[in-house]
Amino acid sequence: MIEADRTPFHRVRIVLTARQSIRLHVHQAGLVYALLAAAFGRSLDRADVLPDGLMLDAPEVGRGCVARGEPFALGFTLLADEPEHASRVLAAVVDGLLSVGMERPERPLAFAGNFEVTEVRDLVRGDEWSEGRSLECVPRSTLETEATKVAACEFLTLRFS
């Protein structure tokens, strides 16, 4: 990607698969926050904390249960000036998720000790991500195209869920 077309926006989707059924609150933003914070903290051997520049996505909002063997998706936008830095942060999150999925933490946490990480996807590139591979950033030209479309709208509705 040409430097002038680079942005700090990286998009990721992670799919977990439940080993046993899990009951969920209908709004999962808090669950996703706690899970990612526990994972990142564990990978760095420190307290639960989200990495700087990580903005959560909770696409499964409204889902009340994940049955054994079913997937559960979560995701985030990661702001990082360098794709290599974004990839290092993602690697730490995934490493922590692998650990949290195997072992129950001291505090109760939905999903803890009860899932496998079955997919990590670079949503910009559109394919599966693997450690050591740089994340692709959203191109500036994509943002400019979208801004042009929005500027042409008479009305714009934003939905926050």
N, C-alpha and C. Protein backbone atom coordinates (compact mmCIF):
# COMPACT_ATOMS: atom_id res chain seq x y z
N MET A 1 0.85 -1.17 0.00
CA MET A 1 0.00 0.00 0.00
C MET A 1 0.90 1.24 0.00
N ILE A 2 0.54 2.21 -0.79
CA ILE A 2 1.29 3.46 -0.86
C ILE A 2 1.15 4.19 0.47
N GLU A 3 2.27 4.73 0.99
CA GLU A 3 2.26 5.44 2.29
C GLU A 3 1.15 6.47 2.37
N ALA A 4 0.93 7.24 1.30
CA ALA A 4 -0.07 8.30 1.32
C ALA A 4 -1.49 7.73 1.47
N ASP A 5 -1.66 6.45 1.15
CA ASP A 5 -2.98 5.84 1.24
C ASP A 5 -3.18 5.11 2.57
N ARG A 6 -2.19 5.14 3.45
CA ARG A 6 -2.26 4.42 4.73
C ARG A 6 -3.04 5.22 5.77
N THR A 7 -3.83 4.51 6.56
CA THR A 7 -4.53 5.10 7.70
C THR A 7 -4.17 4.27 8.94
N PRO A 8 -4.54 4.73 10.12
CA PRO A 8 -4.24 3.93 11.33
C PRO A 8 -5.31 2.90 11.66
N PHE A 9 -6.30 2.69 10.78
CA PHE A 9 -7.44 1.84 11.08
C PHE A 9 -7.24 0.41 10.59
N HIS A 10 -7.29 -0.54 11.53
CA HIS A 10 -7.17 -1.97 11.22
C HIS A 10 -8.41 -2.65 11.79
N ARG A 11 -9.01 -3.56 11.02
CA ARG A 11 -10.27 -4.21 11.44
C ARG A 11 -10.04 -5.70 11.59
N VAL A 12 -10.53 -6.25 12.71
CA VAL A 12 -10.31 -7.65 13.04
C VAL A 12 -11.61 -8.31 13.49
N ARG A 13 -11.78 -9.56 13.11
CA ARG A 13 -12.90 -10.39 13.59
C ARG A 13 -12.30 -11.66 14.17
N ILE A 14 -12.74 -12.01 15.37
CA ILE A 14 -12.28 -13.23 16.03
C ILE A 14 -13.50 -14.09 16.30
N VAL A 15 -13.40 -15.37 15.99
CA VAL A 15 -14.49 -16.31 16.24
C VAL A 15 -14.03 -17.30 17.31
N LEU A 16 -14.84 -17.41 18.34
CA LEU A 16 -14.62 -18.38 19.41
C LEU A 16 -15.65 -19.49 19.23
N THR A 17 -15.28 -20.70 19.57
CA THR A 17 -16.24 -21.81 19.55
C THR A 17 -16.36 -22.36 20.96
N ALA A 18 -17.59 -22.41 21.44
CA ALA A 18 -17.87 -22.85 22.82
C ALA A 18 -17.67 -24.35 22.97
N ARG A 19 -17.02 -24.74 24.06
CA ARG A 19 -16.88 -26.17 24.38
C ARG A 19 -18.14 -26.70 25.06
N GLN A 20 -18.79 -25.85 25.86
CA GLN A 20 -20.05 -26.18 26.54
C GLN A 20 -20.98 -24.98 26.36
N SER A 21 -22.27 -25.18 26.55
CA SER A 21 -23.24 -24.09 26.40
C SER A 21 -22.93 -22.94 27.36
N ILE A 22 -23.17 -21.73 26.86
CA ILE A 22 -22.92 -20.52 27.64
C ILE A 22 -24.15 -19.63 27.55
N ARG A 23 -24.67 -19.21 28.70
CA ARG A 23 -25.79 -18.27 28.74
C ARG A 23 -25.20 -16.86 28.73
N LEU A 24 -25.83 -15.99 27.97
CA LEU A 24 -25.32 -14.63 27.79
C LEU A 24 -26.36 -13.59 28.15
N HIS A 25 -25.88 -12.44 28.57
CA HIS A 25 -26.75 -11.27 28.69
C HIS A 25 -27.04 -10.81 27.26
N VAL A 26 -28.19 -10.25 27.03
CA VAL A 26 -28.59 -9.86 25.69
C VAL A 26 -27.67 -8.80 25.06
N HIS A 27 -27.04 -7.99 25.89
CA HIS A 27 -26.11 -6.96 25.39
C HIS A 27 -24.69 -7.37 25.79
N GLN A 28 -23.87 -7.74 24.81
CA GLN A 28 -22.57 -8.34 25.12
C GLN A 28 -21.36 -7.40 25.10
N ALA A 29 -21.56 -6.11 25.00
CA ALA A 29 -20.40 -5.21 24.94
C ALA A 29 -19.53 -5.37 26.20
N GLY A 30 -20.15 -5.46 27.37
CA GLY A 30 -19.39 -5.63 28.61
C GLY A 30 -18.64 -6.94 28.63
N LEU A 31 -19.28 -8.00 28.16
CA LEU A 31 -18.65 -9.32 28.09
C LEU A 31 -17.43 -9.28 27.19
N VAL A 32 -17.59 -8.69 26.00
CA VAL A 32 -16.49 -8.61 25.05
C VAL A 32 -15.36 -7.77 25.63
N TYR A 33 -15.70 -6.65 26.26
CA TYR A 33 -14.70 -5.80 26.90
C TYR A 33 -13.92 -6.60 27.95
N ALA A 34 -14.63 -7.28 28.85
CA ALA A 34 -13.97 -8.04 29.92
C ALA A 34 -13.11 -9.17 29.36
N LEU A 35 -13.61 -9.85 28.35
CA LEU A 35 -12.87 -10.96 27.77
C LEU A 35 -11.58 -10.48 27.10
N LEU A 36 -11.67 -9.43 26.30
CA LEU A 36 -10.47 -8.92 25.62
C LEU A 36 -9.48 -8.30 26.61
N ALA A 37 -9.99 -7.62 27.63
CA ALA A 37 -9.10 -7.05 28.65
C ALA A 37 -8.38 -8.15 29.42
N ALA A 38 -9.11 -9.21 29.78
CA ALA A 38 -8.48 -10.34 30.48
C ALA A 38 -7.44 -11.00 29.59
N ALA A 39 -7.75 -11.16 28.32
CA ALA A 39 -6.82 -11.81 27.39
C ALA A 39 -5.55 -10.97 27.22
N PHE A 40 -5.71 -9.67 26.97
CA PHE A 40 -4.54 -8.83 26.75
C PHE A 40 -3.70 -8.73 28.03
N GLY A 41 -4.36 -8.56 29.16
CA GLY A 41 -3.64 -8.51 30.43
C GLY A 41 -2.88 -9.79 30.70
N ARG A 42 -3.53 -10.92 30.45
CA ARG A 42 -2.87 -12.21 30.70
C ARG A 42 -1.66 -12.38 29.79
N SER A 43 -1.77 -11.97 28.53
CA SER A 43 -0.65 -12.15 27.60
C SER A 43 0.57 -11.32 28.01
N LEU A 44 0.33 -10.22 28.74
CA LEU A 44 1.44 -9.37 29.19
C LEU A 44 1.78 -9.60 30.65
N ASP A 45 1.09 -10.56 31.27
CA ASP A 45 1.28 -10.88 32.69
C ASP A 45 1.06 -9.65 33.56
N ARG A 46 -0.07 -8.99 33.33
CA ARG A 46 -0.44 -7.82 34.12
C ARG A 46 -1.95 -7.78 34.32
N ALA A 47 -2.44 -6.75 34.96
CA ALA A 47 -3.88 -6.62 35.23
C ALA A 47 -4.67 -6.55 33.91
N ASP A 48 -5.95 -6.87 34.00
CA ASP A 48 -6.83 -6.80 32.84
C ASP A 48 -6.87 -5.37 32.31
N VAL A 49 -6.59 -5.23 31.04
CA VAL A 49 -6.59 -3.91 30.41
C VAL A 49 -6.72 -4.08 28.90
N LEU A 50 -7.48 -3.18 28.29
CA LEU A 50 -7.54 -3.18 26.83
C LEU A 50 -6.32 -2.44 26.29
N PRO A 51 -5.80 -2.87 25.15
CA PRO A 51 -4.69 -2.14 24.55
C PRO A 51 -5.15 -0.74 24.11
N ASP A 52 -4.23 0.20 24.14
CA ASP A 52 -4.53 1.54 23.61
C ASP A 52 -4.96 1.42 22.16
N GLY A 53 -5.98 2.18 21.81
CA GLY A 53 -6.43 2.24 20.43
C GLY A 53 -7.36 1.12 20.00
N LEU A 54 -7.80 0.28 20.93
CA LEU A 54 -8.70 -0.81 20.57
C LEU A 54 -10.15 -0.37 20.83
N MET A 55 -10.97 -0.42 19.78
CA MET A 55 -12.39 -0.07 19.87
C MET A 55 -13.21 -1.31 19.56
N LEU A 56 -14.02 -1.73 20.53
CA LEU A 56 -14.74 -2.99 20.46
C LEU A 56 -15.87 -3.03 19.44
N ASP A 57 -16.13 -4.24 18.95
CA ASP A 57 -17.34 -4.56 18.20
C ASP A 57 -17.96 -5.75 18.91
N ALA A 58 -19.26 -5.70 19.12
CA ALA A 58 -19.98 -6.82 19.71
C ALA A 58 -21.12 -7.20 18.76
N PRO A 59 -20.81 -7.88 17.66
CA PRO A 59 -21.83 -8.16 16.64
C PRO A 59 -22.90 -9.16 17.04
N GLU A 60 -22.71 -9.86 18.16
CA GLU A 60 -23.67 -10.88 18.58
C GLU A 60 -24.73 -10.33 19.55
N VAL A 61 -24.84 -9.00 19.65
CA VAL A 61 -25.82 -8.39 20.55
C VAL A 61 -27.20 -8.99 20.29
N GLY A 62 -27.88 -9.34 21.37
CA GLY A 62 -29.20 -9.93 21.27
C GLY A 62 -29.21 -11.44 21.39
N ARG A 63 -28.08 -12.05 21.29
CA ARG A 63 -27.97 -13.50 21.39
C ARG A 63 -27.94 -13.90 22.87
N GLY A 64 -28.79 -14.81 23.28
CA GLY A 64 -28.89 -15.18 24.68
C GLY A 64 -28.16 -16.43 25.08
N CYS A 65 -27.72 -17.23 24.10
CA CYS A 65 -27.05 -18.49 24.44
C CYS A 65 -26.14 -18.90 23.28
N VAL A 66 -25.04 -19.50 23.64
CA VAL A 66 -24.15 -20.11 22.66
C VAL A 66 -24.10 -21.59 23.03
N ALA A 67 -24.60 -22.44 22.16
CA ALA A 67 -24.62 -23.87 22.43
C ALA A 67 -23.24 -24.49 22.19
N ARG A 68 -23.03 -25.63 22.78
CA ARG A 68 -21.78 -26.36 22.59
C ARG A 68 -21.48 -26.51 21.10
N GLY A 69 -20.26 -26.15 20.71
CA GLY A 69 -19.84 -26.27 19.32
C GLY A 69 -20.22 -25.11 18.43
N GLU A 70 -20.99 -24.16 18.94
CA GLU A 70 -21.40 -23.02 18.13
C GLU A 70 -20.35 -21.92 18.17
N PRO A 71 -20.25 -21.16 17.07
CA PRO A 71 -19.33 -20.03 17.04
C PRO A 71 -19.93 -18.78 17.69
N PHE A 72 -19.06 -17.93 18.17
CA PHE A 72 -19.43 -16.63 18.73
C PHE A 72 -18.40 -15.63 18.22
N ALA A 73 -18.86 -14.61 17.51
CA ALA A 73 -17.96 -13.63 16.90
C ALA A 73 -17.83 -12.38 17.76
N LEU A 74 -16.65 -11.82 17.75
CA LEU A 74 -16.39 -10.51 18.35
C LEU A 74 -15.35 -9.84 17.48
N GLY A 75 -15.16 -8.58 17.69
CA GLY A 75 -14.19 -7.90 16.85
C GLY A 75 -13.80 -6.56 17.38
N PHE A 76 -12.95 -5.89 16.61
CA PHE A 76 -12.51 -4.57 17.02
C PHE A 76 -11.84 -3.84 15.87
N THR A 77 -11.79 -2.53 16.03
CA THR A 77 -10.96 -1.67 15.20
C THR A 77 -9.76 -1.35 16.07
N LEU A 78 -8.59 -1.46 15.50
CA LEU A 78 -7.36 -1.18 16.23
C LEU A 78 -6.67 -0.01 15.54
N LEU A 79 -6.45 1.06 16.30
CA LEU A 79 -5.75 2.23 15.78
C LEU A 79 -4.26 2.07 16.05
N ALA A 80 -3.48 2.04 15.00
CA ALA A 80 -2.02 1.92 15.13
C ALA A 80 -1.38 2.53 13.89
N ASP A 81 -0.36 3.34 14.09
CA ASP A 81 0.30 3.98 12.96
C ASP A 81 0.99 2.99 12.04
N GLU A 82 1.50 1.93 12.60
CA GLU A 82 2.22 0.93 11.81
C GLU A 82 1.48 -0.40 11.83
N PRO A 83 1.27 -1.03 10.68
CA PRO A 83 0.62 -2.34 10.64
C PRO A 83 1.34 -3.39 11.49
N GLU A 84 2.64 -3.29 11.59
CA GLU A 84 3.41 -4.25 12.39
C GLU A 84 3.05 -4.12 13.87
N HIS A 85 2.85 -2.88 14.33
CA HIS A 85 2.44 -2.67 15.73
C HIS A 85 1.04 -3.25 15.96
N ALA A 86 0.14 -2.99 15.03
CA ALA A 86 -1.22 -3.53 15.13
C ALA A 86 -1.17 -5.06 15.20
N SER A 87 -0.30 -5.66 14.41
CA SER A 87 -0.18 -7.12 14.41
C SER A 87 0.39 -7.65 15.72
N ARG A 88 1.31 -6.92 16.33
CA ARG A 88 1.86 -7.34 17.62
C ARG A 88 0.78 -7.28 18.71
N VAL A 89 -0.03 -6.24 18.67
CA VAL A 89 -1.13 -6.13 19.64
C VAL A 89 -2.12 -7.27 19.42
N LEU A 90 -2.49 -7.52 18.16
CA LEU A 90 -3.41 -8.61 17.87
C LEU A 90 -2.83 -9.95 18.33
N ALA A 91 -1.56 -10.17 18.10
CA ALA A 91 -0.92 -11.42 18.53
C ALA A 91 -1.03 -11.59 20.04
N ALA A 92 -0.85 -10.50 20.78
CA ALA A 92 -0.96 -10.56 22.25
C ALA A 92 -2.40 -10.88 22.66
N VAL A 93 -3.38 -10.27 21.99
CA VAL A 93 -4.79 -10.54 22.30
C VAL A 93 -5.11 -12.00 22.03
N VAL A 94 -4.69 -12.50 20.87
CA VAL A 94 -4.98 -13.89 20.51
C VAL A 94 -4.29 -14.85 21.47
N ASP A 95 -3.04 -14.57 21.80
CA ASP A 95 -2.31 -15.41 22.76
C ASP A 95 -3.05 -15.45 24.09
N GLY A 96 -3.51 -14.30 24.55
CA GLY A 96 -4.27 -14.24 25.80
C GLY A 96 -5.59 -14.97 25.70
N LEU A 97 -6.28 -14.85 24.56
CA LEU A 97 -7.54 -15.56 24.38
C LEU A 97 -7.34 -17.08 24.43
N LEU A 98 -6.26 -17.54 23.82
CA LEU A 98 -5.97 -18.98 23.86
C LEU A 98 -5.83 -19.45 25.30
N SER A 99 -5.17 -18.63 26.11
CA SER A 99 -4.98 -18.97 27.52
C SER A 99 -6.29 -18.90 28.30
N VAL A 100 -7.04 -17.81 28.13
CA VAL A 100 -8.31 -17.64 28.85
C VAL A 100 -9.30 -18.72 28.43
N GLY A 101 -9.24 -19.15 27.18
CA GLY A 101 -10.15 -20.19 26.71
C GLY A 101 -9.90 -21.55 27.33
N MET A 102 -8.68 -21.75 27.80
CA MET A 102 -8.31 -23.04 28.40
C MET A 102 -8.48 -23.06 29.91
N GLU A 103 -8.24 -21.93 30.56
CA GLU A 103 -8.21 -21.90 32.03
C GLU A 103 -9.20 -20.87 32.56
N ARG A 104 -9.84 -21.21 33.64
CA ARG A 104 -10.74 -20.25 34.28
C ARG A 104 -9.91 -19.24 35.09
N PRO A 105 -10.21 -17.95 34.95
CA PRO A 105 -9.50 -16.95 35.75
C PRO A 105 -10.00 -16.96 37.20
N GLU A 106 -9.33 -16.20 38.05
CA GLU A 106 -9.73 -16.12 39.46
C GLU A 106 -11.14 -15.54 39.60
N ARG A 107 -11.46 -14.51 38.82
CA ARG A 107 -12.80 -13.92 38.84
C ARG A 107 -13.66 -14.59 37.77
N PRO A 108 -14.95 -14.78 38.04
CA PRO A 108 -15.81 -15.36 37.00
C PRO A 108 -15.84 -14.48 35.76
N LEU A 109 -15.80 -15.10 34.61
CA LEU A 109 -15.82 -14.39 33.34
C LEU A 109 -16.53 -15.28 32.34
N ALA A 110 -17.60 -14.76 31.71
CA ALA A 110 -18.31 -15.56 30.71
C ALA A 110 -17.31 -16.04 29.67
N PHE A 111 -17.46 -17.23 29.23
CA PHE A 111 -16.61 -17.89 28.24
C PHE A 111 -15.33 -18.47 28.84
N ALA A 112 -14.83 -17.93 29.94
CA ALA A 112 -13.52 -18.34 30.45
C ALA A 112 -13.45 -19.85 30.66
N GLY A 113 -12.37 -20.43 30.16
CA GLY A 113 -12.15 -21.86 30.30
C GLY A 113 -13.08 -22.70 29.45
N ASN A 114 -13.79 -22.08 28.51
CA ASN A 114 -14.83 -22.80 27.81
C ASN A 114 -14.90 -22.47 26.31
N PHE A 115 -13.77 -22.15 25.70
CA PHE A 115 -13.82 -21.87 24.26
C PHE A 115 -12.47 -22.12 23.60
N GLU A 116 -12.54 -22.23 22.30
CA GLU A 116 -11.35 -22.29 21.46
C GLU A 116 -11.42 -21.11 20.50
N VAL A 117 -10.27 -20.59 20.13
CA VAL A 117 -10.21 -19.56 19.09
C VAL A 117 -10.17 -20.32 17.77
N THR A 118 -11.21 -20.15 16.96
CA THR A 118 -11.28 -20.92 15.71
C THR A 118 -11.03 -20.09 14.46
N GLU A 119 -11.03 -18.77 14.60
CA GLU A 119 -10.71 -17.94 13.44
C GLU A 119 -10.28 -16.55 13.89
N VAL A 120 -9.27 -16.02 13.23
CA VAL A 120 -8.85 -14.63 13.40
C VAL A 120 -8.76 -14.08 11.98
N ARG A 121 -9.60 -13.09 11.67
CA ARG A 121 -9.71 -12.60 10.31
C ARG A 121 -9.33 -11.13 10.21
N ASP A 122 -8.48 -10.82 9.25
CA ASP A 122 -8.16 -9.45 8.87
C ASP A 122 -9.29 -9.00 7.95
N LEU A 123 -10.18 -8.15 8.46
CA LEU A 123 -11.36 -7.76 7.69
C LEU A 123 -11.04 -6.84 6.52
N VAL A 124 -9.92 -6.15 6.58
CA VAL A 124 -9.56 -5.27 5.46
C VAL A 124 -9.02 -6.11 4.31
N ARG A 125 -8.13 -7.01 4.61
CA ARG A 125 -7.57 -7.89 3.58
C ARG A 125 -8.61 -8.92 3.15
N GLY A 126 -9.48 -9.32 4.10
CA GLY A 126 -10.53 -10.26 3.77
C GLY A 126 -10.13 -11.71 3.87
N ASP A 127 -9.08 -11.99 4.65
CA ASP A 127 -8.68 -13.38 4.81
C ASP A 127 -8.20 -13.64 6.23
N GLU A 128 -7.89 -14.90 6.49
CA GLU A 128 -7.48 -15.29 7.83
C GLU A 128 -6.09 -14.71 8.14
N TRP A 129 -5.95 -14.23 9.37
CA TRP A 129 -4.68 -13.66 9.84
C TRP A 129 -3.91 -14.74 10.58
N SER A 130 -2.60 -14.71 10.48
CA SER A 130 -1.75 -15.60 11.27
C SER A 130 -0.62 -14.78 11.86
N GLU A 131 -0.13 -15.23 13.02
CA GLU A 131 0.92 -14.50 13.72
C GLU A 131 2.13 -14.31 12.81
N GLY A 132 2.72 -13.12 12.91
CA GLY A 132 3.87 -12.79 12.08
C GLY A 132 3.48 -12.09 10.78
N ARG A 133 2.21 -12.05 10.49
CA ARG A 133 1.72 -11.40 9.28
C ARG A 133 1.15 -10.03 9.65
N SER A 134 1.51 -9.00 8.91
CA SER A 134 1.01 -7.66 9.20
C SER A 134 -0.45 -7.52 8.83
N LEU A 135 -1.19 -6.80 9.68
CA LEU A 135 -2.57 -6.47 9.36
C LEU A 135 -2.59 -5.42 8.26
N GLU A 136 -3.59 -5.48 7.43
CA GLU A 136 -3.80 -4.48 6.39
C GLU A 136 -4.60 -3.33 7.00
N CYS A 137 -4.27 -2.10 6.66
CA CYS A 137 -5.05 -0.97 7.17
C CYS A 137 -6.11 -0.57 6.14
N VAL A 138 -7.17 0.07 6.63
CA VAL A 138 -8.20 0.60 5.75
C VAL A 138 -7.54 1.71 4.92
N PRO A 139 -7.58 1.62 3.60
CA PRO A 139 -6.95 2.65 2.77
C PRO A 139 -7.65 4.01 2.90
N ARG A 140 -6.86 5.05 2.85
CA ARG A 140 -7.41 6.42 2.90
C ARG A 140 -8.42 6.61 1.76
N SER A 141 -8.15 6.05 0.61
CA SER A 141 -9.06 6.19 -0.54
C SER A 141 -10.44 5.62 -0.22
N THR A 142 -10.51 4.56 0.57
CA THR A 142 -11.79 3.98 0.97
C THR A 142 -12.55 4.96 1.85
N LEU A 143 -11.85 5.57 2.81
CA LEU A 143 -12.50 6.55 3.69
C LEU A 143 -12.98 7.77 2.89
N GLU A 144 -12.17 8.21 1.94
CA GLU A 144 -12.56 9.36 1.12
C GLU A 144 -13.78 9.04 0.27
N THR A 145 -13.84 7.84 -0.27
CA THR A 145 -15.01 7.42 -1.06
C THR A 145 -16.27 7.42 -0.20
N GLU A 146 -16.16 6.88 1.00
CA GLU A 146 -17.31 6.84 1.91
C GLU A 146 -17.71 8.26 2.34
N ALA A 147 -16.75 9.12 2.60
CA ALA A 147 -17.04 10.51 2.99
C ALA A 147 -17.77 11.24 1.86
N THR A 148 -17.39 10.98 0.64
CA THR A 148 -18.05 11.60 -0.51
C THR A 148 -19.51 11.14 -0.60
N LYS A 149 -19.74 9.85 -0.35
CA LYS A 149 -21.12 9.32 -0.37
C LYS A 149 -21.96 9.98 0.73
N VAL A 150 -21.39 10.11 1.91
CA VAL A 150 -22.12 10.72 3.03
C VAL A 150 -22.40 12.19 2.76
N ALA A 151 -21.44 12.88 2.18
CA ALA A 151 -21.62 14.31 1.89
C ALA A 151 -22.76 14.55 0.91
N ALA A 152 -23.05 13.57 0.07
CA ALA A 152 -24.12 13.71 -0.91
C ALA A 152 -25.50 13.42 -0.32
N CYS A 153 -25.56 12.92 0.91
CA CYS A 153 -26.84 12.57 1.54
C CYS A 153 -27.52 13.80 2.13
N GLU A 154 -28.83 13.85 1.96
CA GLU A 154 -29.58 14.93 2.59
C GLU A 154 -29.78 14.62 4.08
N PHE A 155 -30.01 13.34 4.39
CA PHE A 155 -30.19 12.89 5.77
C PHE A 155 -29.23 11.75 6.05
N LEU A 156 -28.80 11.70 7.29
CA LEU A 156 -27.91 10.62 7.72
C LEU A 156 -28.38 10.14 9.08
N THR A 157 -28.58 8.84 9.21
CA THR A 157 -29.01 8.25 10.48
C THR A 157 -27.88 7.43 11.05
N LEU A 158 -27.53 7.72 12.29
CA LEU A 158 -26.51 6.93 12.99
C LEU A 158 -27.21 6.06 14.01
N ARG A 159 -26.83 4.79 14.07
CA ARG A 159 -27.39 3.86 15.06
C ARG A 159 -26.27 3.34 15.92
N PHE A 160 -26.41 3.52 17.20
CA PHE A 160 -25.43 3.04 18.16
C PHE A 160 -26.04 1.87 18.91
N SER A 161 -25.46 0.68 18.74
CA SER A 161 -26.02 -0.48 19.42
C SER A 161 -24.98 -1.20 20.25
